[in-house]
């Protein structure tokens, strides 16, 4: 079963970047996710990032990892993974906005595979998905 997802709204580009990274690499620690925003125009403070991860409902804590400092102190930080149900609930759309091709994805709910729409259209899989979701 396939669902249309379109990242829109406030902080959607940051959320999209986190979702794509977690989907490609798998679970990541808070520090690894923070490193996604160290370069380029899109940046996030640790406080903003923590709020996105914890309060958006799009991510789940999958465990903890220990980090050690130079002065031999250690502390634990969270490891995160995608909450696909929350992703569908927040970003599911019935029809894609034709004027905007960026931030549009197809999610295979059963296999938990995320496909970027502009790249998916160029593949043979798109014909099968198009029939299932009722796309013209």
Protein backbone atom coordinates (compact mmCIF):
# COMPACT_ATOMS: atom_id res chain seq x y z
CA UNK A 1 0.00 0.00 0.00
CA UNK A 2 1.42 3.33 -1.08
CA UNK A 3 0.79 6.79 0.41
CA UNK A 4 1.54 10.22 -1.03
CA UNK A 5 3.60 12.45 1.27
CA UNK A 6 4.32 16.12 0.74
CA UNK A 7 6.48 18.01 3.22
CA UNK A 8 4.85 21.40 3.75
CA UNK A 9 4.72 23.96 6.51
CA UNK A 10 7.05 25.43 9.03
CA UNK A 11 10.36 23.57 9.47
CA UNK A 12 9.42 21.15 6.67
CA UNK A 13 12.83 21.37 4.96
CA UNK A 14 14.60 20.51 8.22
CA UNK A 15 12.22 17.64 8.88
CA UNK A 16 12.64 16.41 5.31
CA UNK A 17 16.43 16.39 5.69
CA UNK A 18 16.22 14.40 8.95
CA UNK A 19 13.71 11.90 7.51
CA UNK A 20 15.82 11.31 4.38
CA UNK A 21 18.97 10.79 6.44
CA UNK A 22 17.30 8.39 8.88
CA UNK A 23 15.72 6.49 5.99
CA UNK A 24 19.04 6.07 4.13
CA UNK A 25 21.34 5.37 7.07
CA UNK A 26 18.99 3.96 9.70
CA UNK A 27 18.89 4.99 13.34
CA UNK A 28 21.17 7.87 14.31
CA UNK A 29 22.12 9.64 17.51
CA UNK A 30 21.12 13.22 18.24
CA UNK A 31 24.71 14.37 17.57
CA UNK A 32 24.78 12.63 14.17
CA UNK A 33 21.51 14.31 13.23
CA UNK A 34 22.84 17.68 14.43
CA UNK A 35 25.82 17.27 12.07
CA UNK A 36 23.39 17.37 9.10
CA UNK A 37 22.89 21.08 9.79
CA UNK A 38 26.47 22.24 10.29
CA UNK A 39 26.99 23.45 6.74
CA UNK A 40 24.89 25.27 4.20
CA UNK A 41 21.99 27.70 4.50
CA UNK A 42 19.80 25.34 6.47
CA UNK A 43 20.93 25.34 10.10
CA UNK A 44 19.32 24.36 13.40
CA UNK A 45 20.17 24.94 17.02
CA UNK A 46 20.34 21.97 19.36
CA UNK A 47 17.22 23.23 21.15
CA UNK A 48 15.26 23.51 17.90
CA UNK A 49 16.46 20.09 16.77
CA UNK A 50 15.52 18.49 20.10
CA UNK A 51 12.02 19.97 19.86
CA UNK A 52 11.59 18.64 16.32
CA UNK A 53 12.77 15.17 17.29
CA UNK A 54 10.79 14.92 20.52
CA UNK A 55 7.56 16.84 19.91
CA UNK A 56 6.75 16.42 16.21
CA UNK A 57 5.55 12.80 16.50
CA UNK A 58 7.61 11.88 13.43
CA UNK A 59 10.48 10.23 15.28
CA UNK A 60 10.84 7.56 17.97
CA UNK A 61 13.64 6.88 20.42
CA UNK A 62 15.18 3.57 19.42
CA UNK A 63 17.81 3.38 22.14
CA UNK A 64 20.63 5.22 23.79
CA UNK A 65 24.33 5.56 23.16
CA UNK A 66 27.13 6.67 25.46
CA UNK A 67 29.30 9.65 24.60
CA UNK A 68 32.56 10.40 26.38
CA UNK A 69 34.08 13.83 26.83
CA UNK A 70 37.76 14.75 26.95
CA UNK A 71 37.76 14.94 30.74
CA UNK A 72 36.65 11.27 30.90
CA UNK A 73 33.05 12.10 31.82
CA UNK A 74 30.41 10.12 29.95
CA UNK A 75 26.75 10.75 29.28
CA UNK A 76 23.98 9.13 27.29
CA UNK A 77 22.18 10.53 24.27
CA UNK A 78 19.17 9.20 22.36
CA UNK A 79 19.23 7.28 19.10
CA UNK A 80 16.32 8.07 16.78
CA UNK A 81 14.36 6.31 14.06
CA UNK A 82 11.40 7.31 11.88
CA UNK A 83 7.85 6.87 13.15
CA UNK A 84 6.19 6.01 9.81
CA UNK A 85 2.66 6.22 11.25
CA UNK A 86 3.32 9.77 12.44
CA UNK A 87 4.82 10.64 9.06
CA UNK A 88 1.69 9.47 7.24
CA UNK A 89 -0.61 11.19 9.72
CA UNK A 90 1.13 14.58 9.37
CA UNK A 91 2.17 14.73 5.70
CA UNK A 92 -0.26 12.48 3.78
CA UNK A 93 -2.00 14.23 0.86
CA UNK A 94 -4.70 13.06 -1.55
CA UNK A 95 -3.25 14.88 -4.56
CA UNK A 96 0.17 16.35 -5.17
CA UNK A 97 0.59 20.06 -5.83
CA UNK A 98 1.54 20.09 -9.54
CA UNK A 99 3.43 23.38 -9.28
CA UNK A 100 5.81 22.02 -6.69
CA UNK A 101 7.93 18.94 -7.38
CA UNK A 102 10.30 19.32 -4.44
CA UNK A 103 9.39 17.64 -1.14
CA UNK A 104 7.07 15.05 -2.70
CA UNK A 105 7.50 11.39 -1.77
CA UNK A 106 5.75 8.05 -2.10
CA UNK A 107 5.84 5.84 1.01
CA UNK A 108 5.43 2.07 0.75
CA UNK A 109 3.74 1.53 4.12
CA UNK A 110 4.29 -2.24 4.27
CA UNK A 111 7.99 -2.22 3.31
CA UNK A 112 8.67 1.21 4.89
CA UNK A 113 10.40 2.41 1.74
CA UNK A 114 10.44 6.10 0.89
CA UNK A 115 10.72 7.14 -2.77
CA UNK A 116 11.48 10.69 -3.94
CA UNK A 117 8.81 11.36 -6.55
CA UNK A 118 10.89 13.10 -9.28
CA UNK A 119 13.34 10.16 -9.29
CA UNK A 120 10.61 7.52 -8.99
CA UNK A 121 8.79 8.80 -12.10
CA UNK A 122 11.83 7.84 -14.19
CA UNK A 123 11.66 4.17 -13.10
CA UNK A 124 9.46 1.25 -14.12
CA UNK A 125 8.11 0.92 -10.57
CA UNK A 126 6.21 4.20 -11.06
CA UNK A 127 3.72 2.60 -13.47
CA UNK A 128 2.71 0.02 -10.85
CA UNK A 129 2.47 2.63 -8.08
CA UNK A 130 0.55 5.06 -10.29
CA UNK A 131 -2.21 2.51 -10.85
CA UNK A 132 -2.46 1.70 -7.13
CA UNK A 133 -2.69 5.29 -5.92
CA UNK A 134 -4.95 6.43 -8.77
CA UNK A 135 -2.57 8.96 -10.29
CA UNK A 136 -3.31 10.13 -13.84
